[in-house]
Amino acid sequence: MKIEQDVVGTVNNIIAQALCCDIEQVTKDKDMYYDLLADSLTMLDIFIALEQTYSIAYTEDDITKVERVEDLYRFVEVHI
């Protein structure tokens, strides 16, 4: 599955803003928790931002399934 470039850019921006990190640090293979140091509240912030940006709904289960940045790309692609 090829992820649209605009989805990648938007998701990377949302992640960088939520984690207060440089966007260059956000790459598809990074682990949200171990590499980027996200916690459960930050993940919730990211999903709220995705919901507002793309008008997509999410569940708690969706949040727990995300491990890598690439998982967020796939989540958005499937729901838009």
C-alpha atoms as a PDB file:
ATOM      1  CA  MET A   1       0.000   0.000   0.000  1.00  0.00           C
ATOM      2  CA  LYS A   2       1.464   3.321  -1.064  1.00  0.00           C
ATOM      3  CA  ILE A   3       0.718   6.072   1.424  1.00  0.00           C
ATOM      4  CA  GLU A   4      -0.144   9.450  -0.103  1.00  0.00           C
ATOM      5  CA  GLN A   5       2.621  12.013   0.398  1.00  0.00           C
ATOM      6  CA  ASP A   6       0.218  14.652   1.773  1.00  0.00           C
ATOM      7  CA  VAL A   7      -0.943  12.197   4.469  1.00  0.00           C
ATOM      8  CA  VAL A   8       2.672  11.525   5.443  1.00  0.00           C
ATOM      9  CA  GLY A   9       3.450  15.238   5.695  1.00  0.00           C
ATOM     10  CA  THR A  10       0.318  16.080   7.661  1.00  0.00           C
ATOM     11  CA  VAL A  11       0.714  13.166  10.080  1.00  0.00           C
ATOM     12  CA  ASN A  12       4.399  13.978  10.581  1.00  0.00           C
ATOM     13  CA  ASN A  13       3.500  17.599  11.384  1.00  0.00           C
ATOM     14  CA  ILE A  14       0.861  16.505  13.903  1.00  0.00           C
ATOM     15  CA  ILE A  15       3.314  14.123  15.588  1.00  0.00           C
ATOM     16  CA  ALA A  16       6.120  16.727  15.699  1.00  0.00           C
ATOM     17  CA  GLN A  17       3.788  19.330  17.213  1.00  0.00           C
ATOM     18  CA  ALA A  18       2.397  16.915  19.811  1.00  0.00           C
ATOM     19  CA  LEU A  19       5.859  15.739  20.835  1.00  0.00           C
ATOM     20  CA  CYS A  20       7.556  19.149  20.516  1.00  0.00           C
ATOM     21  CA  CYS A  21      10.274  17.661  18.334  1.00  0.00           C
ATOM     22  CA  ASP A  22      11.826  18.465  14.968  1.00  0.00           C
ATOM     23  CA  ILE A  23       9.880  17.069  12.039  1.00  0.00           C
ATOM     24  CA  GLU A  24      13.120  15.494  10.755  1.00  0.00           C
ATOM     25  CA  GLN A  25      12.981  13.124  13.739  1.00  0.00           C
ATOM     26  CA  VAL A  26       9.614  11.750  12.592  1.00  0.00           C
ATOM     27  CA  THR A  27      10.122   8.938  10.079  1.00  0.00           C
ATOM     28  CA  LYS A  28       7.915   5.988   9.212  1.00  0.00           C
ATOM     29  CA  ASP A  29      10.102   3.412  10.980  1.00  0.00           C
ATOM     30  CA  LYS A  30      10.295   5.241  14.331  1.00  0.00           C
ATOM     31  CA  ASP A  31       8.615   3.654  17.323  1.00  0.00           C
ATOM     32  CA  MET A  32       6.161   6.123  18.848  1.00  0.00           C
ATOM     33  CA  TYR A  33       7.012   5.118  22.410  1.00  0.00           C
ATOM     34  CA  TYR A  34      10.676   4.086  22.421  1.00  0.00           C
ATOM     35  CA  ASP A  35      12.139   6.346  19.730  1.00  0.00           C
ATOM     36  CA  LEU A  36       9.881   9.404  19.939  1.00  0.00           C
ATOM     37  CA  LEU A  37       9.013   9.026  23.645  1.00  0.00           C
ATOM     38  CA  ALA A  38       5.249   9.431  23.266  1.00  0.00           C
ATOM     39  CA  ASP A  39       3.040   8.552  26.215  1.00  0.00           C
ATOM     40  CA  SER A  40      -0.645   7.659  26.324  1.00  0.00           C
ATOM     41  CA  LEU A  41      -1.775  11.279  26.722  1.00  0.00           C
ATOM     42  CA  THR A  42       0.336  12.397  23.788  1.00  0.00           C
ATOM     43  CA  MET A  43      -1.090   9.582  21.682  1.00  0.00           C
ATOM     44  CA  LEU A  44      -4.578  10.765  22.586  1.00  0.00           C
ATOM     45  CA  ASP A  45      -3.614  14.305  21.527  1.00  0.00           C
ATOM     46  CA  ILE A  46      -2.341  12.945  18.209  1.00  0.00           C
ATOM     47  CA  PHE A  47      -5.559  11.033  17.565  1.00  0.00           C
ATOM     48  CA  ILE A  48      -7.675  14.078  18.447  1.00  0.00           C
ATOM     49  CA  ALA A  49      -5.654  16.134  15.964  1.00  0.00           C
ATOM     50  CA  LEU A  50      -6.107  13.424  13.312  1.00  0.00           C
ATOM     51  CA  GLU A  51      -9.847  13.382  14.035  1.00  0.00           C
ATOM     52  CA  GLN A  52     -10.060  17.165  13.624  1.00  0.00           C
ATOM     53  CA  THR A  53      -7.884  17.234  10.505  1.00  0.00           C
ATOM     54  CA  TYR A  54      -9.464  14.344   8.626  1.00  0.00           C
ATOM     55  CA  SER A  55     -12.926  14.089  10.237  1.00  0.00           C
ATOM     56  CA  ILE A  56     -12.324  10.458  11.163  1.00  0.00           C
ATOM     57  CA  ALA A  57     -13.446   8.623  14.267  1.00  0.00           C
ATOM     58  CA  TYR A  58     -11.174   6.463  16.380  1.00  0.00           C
ATOM     59  CA  THR A  59     -11.492   4.068  19.291  1.00  0.00           C
ATOM     60  CA  GLU A  60      -9.271   3.328  22.254  1.00  0.00           C
ATOM     61  CA  ASP A  61      -8.391   0.085  20.475  1.00  0.00           C
ATOM     62  CA  ASP A  62      -7.099   2.080  17.482  1.00  0.00           C
ATOM     63  CA  ILE A  63      -4.735   3.974  19.768  1.00  0.00           C
ATOM     64  CA  THR A  64      -3.373   0.818  21.378  1.00  0.00           C
ATOM     65  CA  LYS A  65      -2.627  -0.739  17.966  1.00  0.00           C
ATOM     66  CA  VAL A  66      -0.218   2.040  16.993  1.00  0.00           C
ATOM     67  CA  GLU A  67       3.431   1.273  17.620  1.00  0.00           C
ATOM     68  CA  ARG A  68       5.263   2.969  14.766  1.00  0.00           C
ATOM     69  CA  VAL A  69       4.737   6.199  12.866  1.00  0.00           C
ATOM     70  CA  GLU A  70       3.852   4.100   9.815  1.00  0.00           C
ATOM     71  CA  ASP A  71       0.890   2.650  11.751  1.00  0.00           C
ATOM     72  CA  LEU A  72      -0.563   6.157  11.974  1.00  0.00           C
ATOM     73  CA  TYR A  73      -0.153   6.625   8.218  1.00  0.00           C
ATOM     74  CA  ARG A  74      -2.065   3.384   7.627  1.00  0.00           C
ATOM     75  CA  PHE A  75      -4.783   4.335  10.116  1.00  0.00           C
ATOM     76  CA  VAL A  76      -5.428   7.607   8.292  1.00  0.00           C
ATOM     77  CA  GLU A  77      -5.300   6.010   4.831  1.00  0.00           C
ATOM     78  CA  VAL A  78      -7.847   3.358   5.818  1.00  0.00           C
ATOM     79  CA  HIS A  79     -10.252   5.891   7.361  1.00  0.00           C
ATOM     80  CA  ILE A  80     -10.257   8.707   4.808  1.00  0.00           C
END
